Amino acid sequence: MNGHRILILFFLFAVLFCQHHVWGEDAEVLVAQGMEKIGSHDYQEAADLLSRAIEMDPDNPEANYYAGFAYSRVGEYEKAEQLLSRALELDPTAVEAYFELGLVYVSQADCTQAESFLLKFRNFSTDEGLKQIARNLLQDCKKEAPEEKRFRLTGTAGIQYDTNVILEQSNPPPNKNKKGDFRDAILFLSSGLTAFENDLVNVNLDYDGYFSDHVELDMFNRDPGCPG
């Protein structure tokens, strides 16, 4: 009787152990299946499988990396960015994640962010082929990015003030009691726009304008004997 009990207990232990082992392997199996789908370019199916793997094992760096890879290929860049960033948190040595994040930002024409991650990839990676691809991706991103139109506008304003100081006693001003008055107001504007620029050619559009306003010009001191 005791022998039967021992066999039953052993059987139950074996079943529980096997079930625990299988449950622990489910996420790994899904990751392997997801990688297989990536190999056959079935990225949406890969993303679904790898997402299920992450639900079972959220801290699995491979699941996060390959899920980010798959989501990037189907154009879901925000989700890809989150997953790849998480993969780097879990495994900072996963240099391929730097490359994939750079590619995500290149796809969105965010060359500043792309440069940050692609340069990190080039610094850490030993794959010369991928390092050259990273360099080419960054160059293409900068070429295709919208040109920044640099605009400038400067202005200068001034006035002329006549103090009515008598410089010639023989030619006093008509109104000796007038202490001073404004004569001129001037405004100078300069503007420019960089319309096109590359290593050989720089095209600028510029405009300069000068404006003035004169008040009571006939009141300047002058010789009464001279014609008006």
C-alpha atoms as a PDB file:
ATOM      1  CA  MET A   1       0.000   0.000   0.000  1.00  0.00           C
ATOM      2  CA  ASN A   2       2.788   2.311   0.923  1.00  0.00           C
ATOM      3  CA  GLY A   3       4.458   1.445  -2.366  1.00  0.00           C
ATOM      4  CA  HIS A   4       1.381   2.527  -4.306  1.00  0.00           C
ATOM      5  CA  ARG A   5       1.287   5.816  -2.449  1.00  0.00           C
ATOM      6  CA  ILE A   6       4.916   6.472  -3.216  1.00  0.00           C
ATOM      7  CA  LEU A   7       4.307   5.767  -6.899  1.00  0.00           C
ATOM      8  CA  ILE A   8       1.290   8.073  -6.958  1.00  0.00           C
ATOM      9  CA  LEU A   9       3.220  10.864  -5.246  1.00  0.00           C
ATOM     10  CA  PHE A  10       6.138  10.384  -7.615  1.00  0.00           C
ATOM     11  CA  PHE A  11       3.782  10.509 -10.600  1.00  0.00           C
ATOM     12  CA  LEU A  12       2.123  13.724  -9.361  1.00  0.00           C
ATOM     13  CA  PHE A  13       5.514  15.299  -8.734  1.00  0.00           C
ATOM     14  CA  ALA A  14       6.690  14.363 -12.217  1.00  0.00           C
ATOM     15  CA  VAL A  15       3.537  15.824 -13.802  1.00  0.00           C
ATOM     16  CA  LEU A  16       3.836  19.066 -11.869  1.00  0.00           C
ATOM     17  CA  PHE A  17       7.535  19.327 -12.680  1.00  0.00           C
ATOM     18  CA  CYS A  18       6.932  18.768 -16.378  1.00  0.00           C
ATOM     19  CA  GLN A  19       4.080  21.231 -16.474  1.00  0.00           C
ATOM     20  CA  HIS A  20       6.204  23.848 -14.724  1.00  0.00           C
ATOM     21  CA  HIS A  21       9.030  23.208 -17.181  1.00  0.00           C
ATOM     22  CA  VAL A  22       6.706  23.530 -20.177  1.00  0.00           C
ATOM     23  CA  TRP A  23       5.086  26.699 -18.838  1.00  0.00           C
ATOM     24  CA  GLY A  24       8.525  28.232 -18.331  1.00  0.00           C
ATOM     25  CA  GLU A  25       9.461  27.440 -21.916  1.00  0.00           C
ATOM     26  CA  ASP A  26       6.352  28.893 -23.537  1.00  0.00           C
ATOM     27  CA  ALA A  27       7.822  32.393 -23.905  1.00  0.00           C
ATOM     28  CA  GLU A  28      11.023  31.009 -25.387  1.00  0.00           C
ATOM     29  CA  VAL A  29       9.064  28.914 -27.867  1.00  0.00           C
ATOM     30  CA  LEU A  30       7.088  31.978 -28.948  1.00  0.00           C
ATOM     31  CA  VAL A  31      10.314  33.969 -29.352  1.00  0.00           C
ATOM     32  CA  ALA A  32      11.725  31.198 -31.559  1.00  0.00           C
ATOM     33  CA  GLN A  33       8.545  31.132 -33.618  1.00  0.00           C
ATOM     34  CA  GLY A  34       8.601  34.912 -33.920  1.00  0.00           C
ATOM     35  CA  MET A  35      12.210  34.859 -35.131  1.00  0.00           C
ATOM     36  CA  GLU A  36      11.250  32.215 -37.688  1.00  0.00           C
ATOM     37  CA  LYS A  37       8.452  34.478 -38.973  1.00  0.00           C
ATOM     38  CA  ILE A  38      10.905  37.370 -39.214  1.00  0.00           C
ATOM     39  CA  GLY A  39      13.172  35.162 -41.294  1.00  0.00           C
ATOM     40  CA  SER A  40      10.309  34.542 -43.719  1.00  0.00           C
ATOM     41  CA  HIS A  41       9.416  38.306 -43.730  1.00  0.00           C
ATOM     42  CA  ASP A  42       6.034  37.686 -42.101  1.00  0.00           C
ATOM     43  CA  TYR A  43       6.515  40.650 -39.789  1.00  0.00           C
ATOM     44  CA  GLN A  44       2.944  41.076 -38.595  1.00  0.00           C
ATOM     45  CA  GLU A  45       2.677  37.448 -37.504  1.00  0.00           C
ATOM     46  CA  ALA A  46       6.094  37.768 -35.856  1.00  0.00           C
ATOM     47  CA  ALA A  47       4.946  40.865 -33.967  1.00  0.00           C
ATOM     48  CA  ASP A  48       1.861  39.028 -32.690  1.00  0.00           C
ATOM     49  CA  LEU A  49       3.854  36.007 -31.510  1.00  0.00           C
ATOM     50  CA  LEU A  50       6.513  38.106 -29.828  1.00  0.00           C
ATOM     51  CA  SER A  51       3.925  40.297 -28.124  1.00  0.00           C
ATOM     52  CA  ARG A  52       2.437  37.157 -26.586  1.00  0.00           C
ATOM     53  CA  ALA A  53       5.905  36.161 -25.440  1.00  0.00           C
ATOM     54  CA  ILE A  54       6.333  39.555 -23.735  1.00  0.00           C
ATOM     55  CA  GLU A  55       3.001  39.111 -21.956  1.00  0.00           C
ATOM     56  CA  MET A  56       4.351  35.876 -20.467  1.00  0.00           C
ATOM     57  CA  ASP A  57       7.863  37.166 -19.830  1.00  0.00           C
ATOM     58  CA  PRO A  58       8.010  41.010 -19.844  1.00  0.00           C
ATOM     59  CA  ASP A  59      11.701  41.068 -18.891  1.00  0.00           C
ATOM     60  CA  ASN A  60      12.844  38.931 -21.810  1.00  0.00           C
ATOM     61  CA  PRO A  61      15.314  41.125 -23.763  1.00  0.00           C
ATOM     62  CA  GLU A  62      15.158  38.987 -26.902  1.00  0.00           C
ATOM     63  CA  ALA A  63      11.365  39.130 -27.013  1.00  0.00           C
ATOM     64  CA  ASN A  64      11.439  42.916 -26.672  1.00  0.00           C
ATOM     65  CA  TYR A  65      14.167  43.353 -29.278  1.00  0.00           C
ATOM     66  CA  TYR A  66      12.643  41.133 -31.944  1.00  0.00           C
ATOM     67  CA  ALA A  67       9.159  42.509 -31.275  1.00  0.00           C
ATOM     68  CA  GLY A  68      10.553  46.029 -31.796  1.00  0.00           C
ATOM     69  CA  PHE A  69      12.252  44.815 -34.976  1.00  0.00           C
ATOM     70  CA  ALA A  70       8.984  43.371 -36.288  1.00  0.00           C
ATOM     71  CA  TYR A  71       6.859  46.396 -35.396  1.00  0.00           C
ATOM     72  CA  SER A  72       9.389  48.661 -37.089  1.00  0.00           C
ATOM     73  CA  ARG A  73       9.017  46.670 -40.304  1.00  0.00           C
ATOM     74  CA  VAL A  74       5.227  47.061 -40.310  1.00  0.00           C
ATOM     75  CA  GLY A  75       5.494  50.809 -39.727  1.00  0.00           C
ATOM     76  CA  GLU A  76       4.384  50.950 -36.083  1.00  0.00           C
ATOM     77  CA  TYR A  77       7.322  53.124 -35.086  1.00  0.00           C
ATOM     78  CA  GLU A  78       6.062  54.324 -31.706  1.00  0.00           C
ATOM     79  CA  LYS A  79       5.577  50.769 -30.470  1.00  0.00           C
ATOM     80  CA  ALA A  80       8.903  49.738 -32.004  1.00  0.00           C
ATOM     81  CA  GLU A  81      10.679  52.591 -30.209  1.00  0.00           C
ATOM     82  CA  GLN A  82       9.205  51.561 -26.851  1.00  0.00           C
ATOM     83  CA  LEU A  83      10.138  47.897 -27.272  1.00  0.00           C
ATOM     84  CA  LEU A  84      13.675  48.563 -28.494  1.00  0.00           C
ATOM     85  CA  SER A  85      14.299  51.035 -25.680  1.00  0.00           C
ATOM     86  CA  ARG A  86      13.059  48.406 -23.231  1.00  0.00           C
ATOM     87  CA  ALA A  87      15.391  45.840 -24.782  1.00  0.00           C
ATOM     88  CA  LEU A  88      18.335  48.172 -24.135  1.00  0.00           C
ATOM     89  CA  GLU A  89      17.217  48.678 -20.532  1.00  0.00           C
ATOM     90  CA  LEU A  90      17.200  44.925 -20.027  1.00  0.00           C
ATOM     91  CA  ASP A  91      20.446  44.340 -21.919  1.00  0.00           C
ATOM     92  CA  PRO A  92      22.642  47.437 -22.502  1.00  0.00           C
ATOM     93  CA  THR A  93      25.079  45.292 -24.532  1.00  0.00           C
ATOM     94  CA  ALA A  94      22.447  44.635 -27.244  1.00  0.00           C
ATOM     95  CA  VAL A  95      24.176  46.857 -29.815  1.00  0.00           C
ATOM     96  CA  GLU A  96      21.762  45.780 -32.559  1.00  0.00           C
ATOM     97  CA  ALA A  97      19.022  47.644 -30.674  1.00  0.00           C
ATOM     98  CA  TYR A  98      20.952  50.887 -31.218  1.00  0.00           C
ATOM     99  CA  PHE A  99      20.959  50.201 -34.949  1.00  0.00           C
ATOM    100  CA  GLU A 100      17.238  49.423 -35.029  1.00  0.00           C
ATOM    101  CA  LEU A 101      16.376  52.533 -33.015  1.00  0.00           C
ATOM    102  CA  GLY A 102      18.459  54.604 -35.423  1.00  0.00           C
ATOM    103  CA  LEU A 103      16.554  53.038 -38.311  1.00  0.00           C
ATOM    104  CA  VAL A 104      13.226  53.863 -36.616  1.00  0.00           C
ATOM    105  CA  TYR A 105      14.205  57.535 -36.398  1.00  0.00           C
ATOM    106  CA  VAL A 106      15.561  57.598 -39.957  1.00  0.00           C
ATOM    107  CA  SER A 107      12.181  56.283 -41.127  1.00  0.00           C
ATOM    108  CA  GLN A 108      10.571  59.279 -39.387  1.00  0.00           C
ATOM    109  CA  ALA A 109      13.164  61.753 -40.756  1.00  0.00           C
ATOM    110  CA  ASP A 110      14.316  62.559 -37.195  1.00  0.00           C
ATOM    111  CA  CYS A 111      17.988  62.835 -38.088  1.00  0.00           C
ATOM    112  CA  THR A 112      19.095  64.187 -34.705  1.00  0.00           C
ATOM    113  CA  GLN A 113      17.804  61.152 -32.787  1.00  0.00           C
ATOM    114  CA  ALA A 114      18.933  58.820 -35.568  1.00  0.00           C
ATOM    115  CA  GLU A 115      22.463  60.182 -35.363  1.00  0.00           C
ATOM    116  CA  SER A 116      22.583  59.643 -31.599  1.00  0.00           C
ATOM    117  CA  PHE A 117      21.760  55.925 -31.829  1.00  0.00           C
ATOM    118  CA  LEU A 118      23.619  55.160 -35.049  1.00  0.00           C
ATOM    119  CA  LEU A 119      26.806  56.711 -33.675  1.00  0.00           C
ATOM    120  CA  LYS A 120      26.465  54.568 -30.538  1.00  0.00           C
ATOM    121  CA  PHE A 121      26.022  51.518 -32.738  1.00  0.00           C
ATOM    122  CA  ARG A 122      29.126  52.378 -34.753  1.00  0.00           C
ATOM    123  CA  ASN A 123      31.127  52.887 -31.550  1.00  0.00           C
ATOM    124  CA  PHE A 124      30.114  49.564 -29.994  1.00  0.00           C
ATOM    125  CA  SER A 125      29.637  47.257 -32.981  1.00  0.00           C
ATOM    126  CA  THR A 126      32.341  45.143 -34.610  1.00  0.00           C
ATOM    127  CA  ASP A 127      30.230  44.482 -37.730  1.00  0.00           C
ATOM    128  CA  GLU A 128      31.930  46.647 -40.357  1.00  0.00           C
ATOM    129  CA  GLY A 129      29.215  45.972 -42.924  1.00  0.00           C
ATOM    130  CA  LEU A 130      26.429  47.216 -40.658  1.00  0.00           C
ATOM    131  CA  LYS A 131      28.565  50.146 -39.521  1.00  0.00           C
ATOM    132  CA  GLN A 132      28.856  51.271 -43.137  1.00  0.00           C
ATOM    133  CA  ILE A 133      25.101  50.858 -43.606  1.00  0.00           C
ATOM    134  CA  ALA A 134      24.555  52.996 -40.483  1.00  0.00           C
ATOM    135  CA  ARG A 135      26.823  55.672 -41.947  1.00  0.00           C
ATOM    136  CA  ASN A 136      24.931  55.631 -45.256  1.00  0.00           C
ATOM    137  CA  LEU A 137      21.545  55.766 -43.494  1.00  0.00           C
ATOM    138  CA  LEU A 138      22.578  58.869 -41.590  1.00  0.00           C
ATOM    139  CA  GLN A 139      23.905  60.590 -44.708  1.00  0.00           C
ATOM    140  CA  ASP A 140      20.694  59.841 -46.613  1.00  0.00           C
ATOM    141  CA  CYS A 141      18.586  61.090 -43.708  1.00  0.00           C
ATOM    142  CA  LYS A 142      20.377  64.437 -43.690  1.00  0.00           C
ATOM    143  CA  LYS A 143      20.057  64.779 -47.461  1.00  0.00           C
ATOM    144  CA  GLU A 144      16.328  64.077 -47.445  1.00  0.00           C
ATOM    145  CA  ALA A 145      15.515  66.205 -44.375  1.00  0.00           C
ATOM    146  CA  PRO A 146      13.630  69.435 -45.182  1.00  0.00           C
ATOM    147  CA  GLU A 147      15.969  72.358 -45.744  1.00  0.00           C
ATOM    148  CA  GLU A 148      15.953  74.867 -42.934  1.00  0.00           C
ATOM    149  CA  LYS A 149      15.247  78.342 -44.292  1.00  0.00           C
ATOM    150  CA  ARG A 150      17.374  80.749 -42.273  1.00  0.00           C
ATOM    151  CA  PHE A 151      15.848  84.215 -42.148  1.00  0.00           C
ATOM    152  CA  ARG A 152      17.317  87.378 -40.690  1.00  0.00           C
ATOM    153  CA  LEU A 153      15.886  90.836 -40.101  1.00  0.00           C
ATOM    154  CA  THR A 154      17.783  93.780 -38.650  1.00  0.00           C
ATOM    155  CA  GLY A 155      16.724  97.362 -38.237  1.00  0.00           C
ATOM    156  CA  THR A 156      18.324 100.671 -37.288  1.00  0.00           C
ATOM    157  CA  ALA A 157      16.396 103.778 -36.346  1.00  0.00           C
ATOM    158  CA  GLY A 158      17.594 107.276 -35.497  1.00  0.00           C
ATOM    159  CA  ILE A 159      16.683 110.941 -35.256  1.00  0.00           C
ATOM    160  CA  GLN A 160      18.426 114.262 -35.788  1.00  0.00           C
ATOM    161  CA  TYR A 161      17.987 116.916 -33.134  1.00  0.00           C
ATOM    162  CA  ASP A 162      18.882 120.563 -33.702  1.00  0.00           C
ATOM    163  CA  THR A 163      19.911 122.381 -30.514  1.00  0.00           C
ATOM    164  CA  ASN A 164      19.985 125.773 -32.300  1.00  0.00           C
ATOM    165  CA  VAL A 165      23.490 126.486 -31.044  1.00  0.00           C
ATOM    166  CA  ILE A 166      24.697 129.685 -32.732  1.00  0.00           C
ATOM    167  CA  LEU A 167      27.845 128.741 -34.594  1.00  0.00           C
ATOM    168  CA  GLU A 168      28.085 132.046 -36.452  1.00  0.00           C
ATOM    169  CA  GLN A 169      27.228 135.232 -34.605  1.00  0.00           C
ATOM    170  CA  SER A 170      26.624 136.979 -37.945  1.00  0.00           C
ATOM    171  CA  ASN A 171      24.053 134.351 -38.930  1.00  0.00           C
ATOM    172  CA  PRO A 172      21.769 133.748 -35.948  1.00  0.00           C
ATOM    173  CA  PRO A 173      18.702 131.467 -36.273  1.00  0.00           C
ATOM    174  CA  PRO A 174      15.356 133.169 -37.080  1.00  0.00           C
ATOM    175  CA  ASN A 175      13.961 132.341 -33.636  1.00  0.00           C
ATOM    176  CA  LYS A 176      16.596 132.873 -30.974  1.00  0.00           C
ATOM    177  CA  ASN A 177      14.254 131.742 -28.180  1.00  0.00           C
ATOM    178  CA  LYS A 178      13.682 128.293 -29.704  1.00  0.00           C
ATOM    179  CA  LYS A 179      15.847 125.881 -27.760  1.00  0.00           C
ATOM    180  CA  GLY A 180      15.793 123.002 -30.180  1.00  0.00           C
ATOM    181  CA  ASP A 181      13.669 120.796 -32.418  1.00  0.00           C
ATOM    182  CA  PHE A 182      13.646 117.460 -34.189  1.00  0.00           C
ATOM    183  CA  ARG A 183      14.657 117.584 -37.835  1.00  0.00           C
ATOM    184  CA  ASP A 184      14.901 114.051 -39.253  1.00  0.00           C
ATOM    185  CA  ALA A 185      13.769 110.523 -38.433  1.00  0.00           C
ATOM    186  CA  ILE A 186      15.441 107.636 -40.242  1.00  0.00           C
ATOM    187  CA  LEU A 187      14.864 103.890 -40.416  1.00  0.00           C
ATOM    188  CA  PHE A 188      17.140 101.345 -42.073  1.00  0.00           C
ATOM    189  CA  LEU A 189      15.941  97.754 -42.562  1.00  0.00           C
ATOM    190  CA  SER A 190      18.007  94.818 -43.755  1.00  0.00           C
ATOM    191  CA  SER A 191      16.577  91.328 -44.298  1.00  0.00           C
ATOM    192  CA  GLY A 192      17.782  88.122 -45.862  1.00  0.00           C
ATOM    193  CA  LEU A 193      16.791  84.518 -46.501  1.00  0.00           C
ATOM    194  CA  THR A 194      19.036  81.536 -47.222  1.00  0.00           C
ATOM    195  CA  ALA A 195      17.093  79.919 -50.049  1.00  0.00           C
ATOM    196  CA  PHE A 196      19.558  77.143 -50.915  1.00  0.00           C
ATOM    197  CA  GLU A 197      22.850  75.904 -49.556  1.00  0.00           C
ATOM    198  CA  ASN A 198      25.235  73.033 -50.166  1.00  0.00           C
ATOM    199  CA  ASP A 199      28.968  72.477 -50.172  1.00  0.00           C
ATOM    200  CA  LEU A 200      29.457  74.426 -53.412  1.00  0.00           C
ATOM    201  CA  VAL A 201      26.592  76.910 -53.704  1.00  0.00           C
ATOM    202  CA  ASN A 202      24.983  79.323 -51.287  1.00  0.00           C
ATOM    203  CA  VAL A 203      21.951  81.286 -52.534  1.00  0.00           C
ATOM    204  CA  ASN A 204      20.754  84.211 -50.415  1.00  0.00           C
ATOM    205  CA  LEU A 205      17.857  86.598 -51.015  1.00  0.00           C
ATOM    206  CA  ASP A 206      18.489  90.018 -49.452  1.00  0.00           C
ATOM    207  CA  TYR A 207      16.569  93.268 -49.198  1.00  0.00           C
ATOM    208  CA  ASP A 208      17.764  96.606 -47.792  1.00  0.00           C
ATOM    209  CA  GLY A 209      15.526  99.616 -47.295  1.00  0.00           C
ATOM    210  CA  TYR A 210      16.195 103.177 -46.172  1.00  0.00           C
ATOM    211  CA  PHE A 211      13.364 105.438 -45.042  1.00  0.00           C
ATOM    212  CA  SER A 212      13.504 109.006 -43.747  1.00  0.00           C
ATOM    213  CA  ASP A 213      11.054 111.716 -42.693  1.00  0.00           C
ATOM    214  CA  HIS A 214      11.992 115.405 -42.597  1.00  0.00           C
ATOM    215  CA  VAL A 215      10.321 118.066 -40.469  1.00  0.00           C
ATOM    216  CA  GLU A 216      10.580 121.858 -40.994  1.00  0.00           C
ATOM    217  CA  LEU A 217      13.614 121.793 -43.265  1.00  0.00           C
ATOM    218  CA  ASP A 218      13.240 125.480 -44.013  1.00  0.00           C
ATOM    219  CA  MET A 219      14.143 126.335 -40.435  1.00  0.00           C
ATOM    220  CA  PHE A 220      17.795 125.318 -40.743  1.00  0.00           C
ATOM    221  CA  ASN A 221      20.168 128.232 -40.149  1.00  0.00           C
ATOM    222  CA  ARG A 222      21.186 129.849 -43.377  1.00  0.00           C
ATOM    223  CA  ASP A 223      22.523 133.176 -44.685  1.00  0.00           C
ATOM    224  CA  PRO A 224      19.599 135.603 -45.173  1.00  0.00           C
ATOM    225  CA  GLY A 225      21.377 136.935 -48.229  1.00  0.00           C
ATOM    226  CA  CYS A 226      21.230 133.592 -49.989  1.00  0.00           C
ATOM    227  CA  PRO A 227      18.193 132.733 -52.085  1.00  0.00           C
ATOM    228  CA  GLY A 228      15.696 130.358 -50.466  1.00  0.00           C
END
